[in-house]
N, C-alpha and C. Protein backbone atom coordinates (compact mmCIF):
# COMPACT_ATOMS: atom_id res chain seq x y z
N MET A 1 -56.18 -33.37 67.64
CA MET A 1 -55.84 -33.27 66.24
C MET A 1 -56.78 -32.24 65.62
N GLY A 2 -56.21 -31.25 64.95
CA GLY A 2 -57.00 -30.20 64.33
C GLY A 2 -57.73 -30.71 63.10
N LEU A 3 -58.68 -29.89 62.64
CA LEU A 3 -59.47 -30.28 61.48
C LEU A 3 -58.59 -30.48 60.25
N GLN A 4 -57.64 -29.56 60.04
CA GLN A 4 -56.77 -29.69 58.88
C GLN A 4 -55.92 -30.96 58.98
N THR A 5 -55.38 -31.25 60.15
CA THR A 5 -54.57 -32.45 60.35
C THR A 5 -55.42 -33.70 60.15
N SER A 6 -56.63 -33.68 60.68
CA SER A 6 -57.54 -34.81 60.53
C SER A 6 -57.91 -35.02 59.06
N SER A 7 -58.16 -33.93 58.36
CA SER A 7 -58.49 -34.03 56.93
C SER A 7 -57.31 -34.56 56.13
N ARG A 8 -56.12 -34.10 56.48
CA ARG A 8 -54.91 -34.56 55.78
C ARG A 8 -54.72 -36.06 56.01
N ARG A 9 -54.88 -36.50 57.25
CA ARG A 9 -54.72 -37.91 57.57
C ARG A 9 -55.76 -38.76 56.82
N THR A 10 -56.98 -38.29 56.77
CA THR A 10 -58.04 -39.00 56.05
C THR A 10 -57.69 -39.12 54.57
N ALA A 11 -57.21 -38.02 53.99
CA ALA A 11 -56.83 -38.05 52.58
C ALA A 11 -55.66 -39.00 52.35
N LEU A 12 -54.70 -39.01 53.26
CA LEU A 12 -53.56 -39.92 53.13
C LEU A 12 -54.00 -41.37 53.23
N LEU A 13 -54.91 -41.66 54.15
CA LEU A 13 -55.40 -43.03 54.29
C LEU A 13 -56.15 -43.48 53.04
N GLN A 14 -56.90 -42.57 52.43
CA GLN A 14 -57.60 -42.90 51.18
C GLN A 14 -56.58 -43.15 50.06
N ASP A 15 -55.57 -42.30 49.99
CA ASP A 15 -54.52 -42.50 48.97
C ASP A 15 -53.76 -43.79 49.21
N LYS A 16 -53.52 -44.11 50.48
CA LYS A 16 -52.83 -45.36 50.82
C LYS A 16 -53.62 -46.55 50.28
N ALA A 17 -54.91 -46.55 50.52
CA ALA A 17 -55.76 -47.66 50.02
C ALA A 17 -55.73 -47.72 48.50
N LYS A 18 -55.76 -46.56 47.86
CA LYS A 18 -55.72 -46.51 46.39
C LYS A 18 -54.41 -47.11 45.86
N PHE A 19 -53.28 -46.70 46.43
CA PHE A 19 -52.00 -47.21 45.93
C PHE A 19 -51.76 -48.67 46.32
N GLU A 20 -52.29 -49.10 47.46
CA GLU A 20 -52.21 -50.53 47.78
C GLU A 20 -52.95 -51.35 46.73
N ASN A 21 -54.09 -50.86 46.31
CA ASN A 21 -54.88 -51.54 45.29
C ASN A 21 -54.12 -51.58 43.96
N ILE A 22 -53.52 -50.46 43.59
CA ILE A 22 -52.74 -50.41 42.34
C ILE A 22 -51.57 -51.40 42.42
N CYS A 23 -50.90 -51.45 43.56
CA CYS A 23 -49.76 -52.36 43.71
C CYS A 23 -50.20 -53.82 43.64
N ARG A 24 -51.39 -54.12 44.18
CA ARG A 24 -51.91 -55.49 44.09
C ARG A 24 -52.22 -55.85 42.65
N GLN A 25 -52.78 -54.90 41.91
CA GLN A 25 -53.17 -55.15 40.53
C GLN A 25 -51.97 -55.17 39.59
N ASN A 26 -50.95 -54.39 39.90
CA ASN A 26 -49.79 -54.29 39.04
C ASN A 26 -48.54 -54.14 39.90
N ALA A 27 -48.01 -55.27 40.33
CA ALA A 27 -46.87 -55.26 41.25
C ALA A 27 -45.61 -54.65 40.63
N GLY A 28 -45.63 -54.43 39.33
CA GLY A 28 -44.47 -53.85 38.66
C GLY A 28 -44.56 -52.34 38.48
N ASN A 29 -45.48 -51.71 39.16
CA ASN A 29 -45.68 -50.27 39.01
C ASN A 29 -44.77 -49.51 39.97
N PHE A 30 -43.63 -49.06 39.48
CA PHE A 30 -42.66 -48.33 40.30
C PHE A 30 -43.28 -47.14 41.02
N HIS A 31 -44.03 -46.31 40.28
CA HIS A 31 -44.58 -45.09 40.88
C HIS A 31 -45.60 -45.39 41.97
N ALA A 32 -46.34 -46.46 41.81
CA ALA A 32 -47.30 -46.83 42.86
C ALA A 32 -46.58 -47.22 44.14
N TRP A 33 -45.50 -48.01 44.02
CA TRP A 33 -44.72 -48.39 45.21
C TRP A 33 -44.08 -47.18 45.86
N TRP A 34 -43.56 -46.28 45.04
CA TRP A 34 -42.92 -45.08 45.56
C TRP A 34 -43.94 -44.21 46.31
N ASN A 35 -45.11 -44.01 45.69
CA ASN A 35 -46.15 -43.21 46.36
C ASN A 35 -46.62 -43.88 47.64
N LEU A 36 -46.80 -45.18 47.61
CA LEU A 36 -47.22 -45.91 48.81
C LEU A 36 -46.17 -45.75 49.91
N ALA A 37 -44.91 -45.83 49.55
CA ALA A 37 -43.83 -45.67 50.54
C ALA A 37 -43.88 -44.28 51.16
N ARG A 38 -44.04 -43.26 50.36
CA ARG A 38 -44.07 -41.88 50.86
C ARG A 38 -45.27 -41.63 51.75
N ILE A 39 -46.41 -42.18 51.37
CA ILE A 39 -47.62 -42.02 52.18
C ILE A 39 -47.45 -42.73 53.53
N ASN A 40 -46.95 -43.96 53.50
CA ASN A 40 -46.73 -44.69 54.75
C ASN A 40 -45.73 -43.96 55.65
N LEU A 41 -44.72 -43.36 55.04
CA LEU A 41 -43.75 -42.58 55.82
C LEU A 41 -44.45 -41.42 56.51
N GLU A 42 -45.24 -40.68 55.78
CA GLU A 42 -45.93 -39.53 56.37
C GLU A 42 -46.92 -39.95 57.45
N LEU A 43 -47.56 -41.10 57.27
CA LEU A 43 -48.51 -41.60 58.27
C LEU A 43 -47.81 -42.20 59.49
N GLY A 44 -46.51 -42.45 59.38
CA GLY A 44 -45.79 -43.05 60.50
C GLY A 44 -45.84 -44.57 60.48
N PHE A 45 -46.22 -45.16 59.36
CA PHE A 45 -46.24 -46.61 59.21
C PHE A 45 -44.87 -47.03 58.65
N TYR A 46 -43.87 -46.99 59.50
CA TYR A 46 -42.48 -47.12 59.03
C TYR A 46 -42.13 -48.50 58.46
N PRO A 47 -42.50 -49.60 59.09
CA PRO A 47 -42.17 -50.89 58.47
C PRO A 47 -42.80 -51.07 57.09
N GLN A 48 -44.06 -50.63 56.93
CA GLN A 48 -44.72 -50.72 55.63
C GLN A 48 -44.05 -49.79 54.62
N SER A 49 -43.62 -48.63 55.10
CA SER A 49 -42.94 -47.68 54.23
C SER A 49 -41.62 -48.26 53.73
N LEU A 50 -40.86 -48.86 54.63
CA LEU A 50 -39.58 -49.45 54.25
C LEU A 50 -39.78 -50.56 53.21
N SER A 51 -40.78 -51.37 53.42
CA SER A 51 -41.07 -52.45 52.48
C SER A 51 -41.42 -51.88 51.10
N ALA A 52 -42.22 -50.83 51.07
CA ALA A 52 -42.61 -50.23 49.79
C ALA A 52 -41.42 -49.53 49.12
N PHE A 53 -40.56 -48.87 49.90
CA PHE A 53 -39.36 -48.27 49.31
C PHE A 53 -38.48 -49.36 48.70
N ASP A 54 -38.34 -50.48 49.40
CA ASP A 54 -37.54 -51.58 48.86
C ASP A 54 -38.14 -52.13 47.57
N ARG A 55 -39.46 -52.21 47.51
CA ARG A 55 -40.11 -52.68 46.28
C ARG A 55 -39.84 -51.71 45.13
N ALA A 56 -39.93 -50.40 45.41
CA ALA A 56 -39.65 -49.40 44.37
C ALA A 56 -38.19 -49.48 43.93
N LEU A 57 -37.29 -49.68 44.87
CA LEU A 57 -35.87 -49.77 44.54
C LEU A 57 -35.54 -51.03 43.73
N ALA A 58 -36.38 -52.04 43.84
CA ALA A 58 -36.17 -53.24 43.03
C ALA A 58 -36.29 -52.91 41.54
N PHE A 59 -37.08 -51.89 41.22
CA PHE A 59 -37.26 -51.48 39.83
C PHE A 59 -36.25 -50.42 39.40
N LYS A 60 -35.92 -49.53 40.32
CA LYS A 60 -34.97 -48.45 40.01
C LYS A 60 -34.00 -48.30 41.19
N PRO A 61 -33.00 -49.17 41.23
CA PRO A 61 -32.11 -49.22 42.41
C PRO A 61 -31.22 -47.99 42.59
N ASN A 62 -31.11 -47.15 41.57
CA ASN A 62 -30.25 -45.98 41.67
C ASN A 62 -31.04 -44.68 41.75
N HIS A 63 -32.31 -44.77 42.05
CA HIS A 63 -33.17 -43.59 42.12
C HIS A 63 -32.88 -42.83 43.42
N ILE A 64 -32.28 -41.67 43.29
CA ILE A 64 -31.79 -40.93 44.45
C ILE A 64 -32.91 -40.57 45.42
N GLU A 65 -34.04 -40.08 44.94
CA GLU A 65 -35.12 -39.68 45.84
C GLU A 65 -35.69 -40.87 46.60
N VAL A 66 -35.77 -42.01 45.95
CA VAL A 66 -36.27 -43.21 46.64
C VAL A 66 -35.25 -43.67 47.68
N LEU A 67 -33.98 -43.61 47.34
CA LEU A 67 -32.94 -43.98 48.30
C LEU A 67 -32.98 -43.06 49.52
N ILE A 68 -33.16 -41.77 49.30
CA ILE A 68 -33.24 -40.84 50.43
C ILE A 68 -34.49 -41.12 51.27
N GLY A 69 -35.59 -41.46 50.62
CA GLY A 69 -36.79 -41.84 51.36
C GLY A 69 -36.54 -43.06 52.23
N LYS A 70 -35.82 -44.02 51.68
CA LYS A 70 -35.48 -45.21 52.47
C LYS A 70 -34.62 -44.83 53.67
N VAL A 71 -33.71 -43.90 53.47
CA VAL A 71 -32.86 -43.44 54.58
C VAL A 71 -33.72 -42.84 55.68
N LEU A 72 -34.68 -42.01 55.32
CA LEU A 72 -35.55 -41.38 56.32
C LEU A 72 -36.30 -42.42 57.14
N VAL A 73 -36.78 -43.46 56.48
CA VAL A 73 -37.48 -44.53 57.20
C VAL A 73 -36.51 -45.29 58.09
N CYS A 74 -35.34 -45.61 57.57
CA CYS A 74 -34.34 -46.34 58.36
C CYS A 74 -33.98 -45.56 59.63
N LEU A 75 -33.89 -44.25 59.52
CA LEU A 75 -33.59 -43.44 60.70
C LEU A 75 -34.71 -43.55 61.73
N GLN A 76 -35.96 -43.55 61.27
CA GLN A 76 -37.09 -43.69 62.20
C GLN A 76 -37.08 -45.05 62.89
N LEU A 77 -36.59 -46.05 62.20
CA LEU A 77 -36.56 -47.42 62.74
C LEU A 77 -35.23 -47.75 63.43
N SER A 78 -34.35 -46.75 63.53
CA SER A 78 -33.01 -46.94 64.13
C SER A 78 -32.20 -48.00 63.39
N LYS A 79 -32.40 -48.09 62.09
CA LYS A 79 -31.64 -49.01 61.25
C LYS A 79 -30.51 -48.21 60.59
N PHE A 80 -29.54 -47.82 61.41
CA PHE A 80 -28.51 -46.90 60.97
C PHE A 80 -27.58 -47.52 59.92
N ARG A 81 -27.28 -48.79 60.07
CA ARG A 81 -26.42 -49.46 59.09
C ARG A 81 -27.09 -49.51 57.72
N ASP A 82 -28.39 -49.81 57.70
CA ASP A 82 -29.13 -49.83 56.43
C ASP A 82 -29.20 -48.43 55.82
N ALA A 83 -29.37 -47.42 56.68
CA ALA A 83 -29.39 -46.03 56.19
C ALA A 83 -28.05 -45.67 55.57
N LEU A 84 -26.98 -46.04 56.23
CA LEU A 84 -25.65 -45.72 55.72
C LEU A 84 -25.38 -46.45 54.40
N TYR A 85 -25.82 -47.69 54.31
CA TYR A 85 -25.65 -48.45 53.07
C TYR A 85 -26.39 -47.75 51.91
N ALA A 86 -27.63 -47.33 52.16
CA ALA A 86 -28.41 -46.65 51.12
C ALA A 86 -27.75 -45.33 50.73
N LEU A 87 -27.21 -44.62 51.70
CA LEU A 87 -26.53 -43.35 51.41
C LEU A 87 -25.25 -43.58 50.61
N ASP A 88 -24.49 -44.59 50.99
CA ASP A 88 -23.27 -44.90 50.23
C ASP A 88 -23.62 -45.25 48.78
N HIS A 89 -24.68 -46.02 48.62
CA HIS A 89 -25.13 -46.39 47.27
C HIS A 89 -25.53 -45.13 46.49
N ALA A 90 -26.32 -44.27 47.10
CA ALA A 90 -26.77 -43.04 46.44
C ALA A 90 -25.59 -42.13 46.10
N GLN A 91 -24.62 -42.09 46.99
CA GLN A 91 -23.48 -41.20 46.79
C GLN A 91 -22.64 -41.62 45.58
N ARG A 92 -22.66 -42.88 45.22
CA ARG A 92 -21.94 -43.33 44.03
C ARG A 92 -22.49 -42.67 42.76
N PHE A 93 -23.78 -42.36 42.77
CA PHE A 93 -24.43 -41.80 41.59
C PHE A 93 -24.59 -40.29 41.66
N ALA A 94 -24.54 -39.75 42.86
CA ALA A 94 -24.69 -38.29 43.04
C ALA A 94 -23.74 -37.85 44.16
N PRO A 95 -22.44 -37.88 43.89
CA PRO A 95 -21.46 -37.63 44.95
C PRO A 95 -21.51 -36.24 45.58
N LYS A 96 -22.10 -35.28 44.89
CA LYS A 96 -22.14 -33.92 45.44
C LYS A 96 -23.54 -33.49 45.87
N ASN A 97 -24.46 -34.43 45.93
CA ASN A 97 -25.83 -34.13 46.32
C ASN A 97 -25.84 -33.72 47.80
N SER A 98 -26.29 -32.50 48.07
CA SER A 98 -26.23 -31.98 49.44
C SER A 98 -27.15 -32.75 50.39
N ASP A 99 -28.30 -33.23 49.91
CA ASP A 99 -29.19 -34.01 50.78
C ASP A 99 -28.50 -35.29 51.25
N ILE A 100 -27.82 -35.94 50.33
CA ILE A 100 -27.12 -37.17 50.69
C ILE A 100 -26.04 -36.88 51.72
N LEU A 101 -25.27 -35.83 51.48
CA LEU A 101 -24.18 -35.48 52.40
C LEU A 101 -24.71 -35.12 53.78
N LEU A 102 -25.81 -34.36 53.85
CA LEU A 102 -26.39 -33.98 55.14
C LEU A 102 -26.93 -35.19 55.89
N HIS A 103 -27.62 -36.07 55.18
CA HIS A 103 -28.16 -37.27 55.83
C HIS A 103 -27.02 -38.18 56.30
N LYS A 104 -25.98 -38.26 55.51
CA LYS A 104 -24.84 -39.10 55.88
C LYS A 104 -24.20 -38.57 57.16
N ALA A 105 -24.03 -37.27 57.26
CA ALA A 105 -23.48 -36.66 58.48
C ALA A 105 -24.37 -36.98 59.67
N ASP A 106 -25.70 -36.92 59.47
CA ASP A 106 -26.65 -37.21 60.54
C ASP A 106 -26.52 -38.67 61.00
N VAL A 107 -26.43 -39.58 60.05
CA VAL A 107 -26.31 -41.01 60.40
C VAL A 107 -25.01 -41.27 61.14
N LEU A 108 -23.94 -40.68 60.67
CA LEU A 108 -22.62 -40.92 61.30
C LEU A 108 -22.53 -40.34 62.71
N ARG A 109 -23.36 -39.34 63.00
CA ARG A 109 -23.39 -38.76 64.37
C ARG A 109 -24.08 -39.70 65.35
N ARG A 110 -24.89 -40.60 64.87
CA ARG A 110 -25.70 -41.44 65.78
C ARG A 110 -24.95 -42.60 66.31
């Protein structure tokens, strides 16, 4: 692991701890859950990422970027049905969103 990669991972782990603390102190903080989900995704902590995306979606169930994040995690976990469900839900609110359409094609190929 290179110095830059190691530094990035260290920074992500510090941010993860920070957002876990925020979520413990204020479980209703949408942005904290969303950031925690994204950090866990980047670190490869997929089950934790999925849980945090679900918590964020509990507050904003139609948030397209959060739904797409959930799809990315579901793909890593081979949860293709869950990914397709999230994409179908997102597509109701953004039927022409190219990211949704591309991810949907990817899921359907699997």
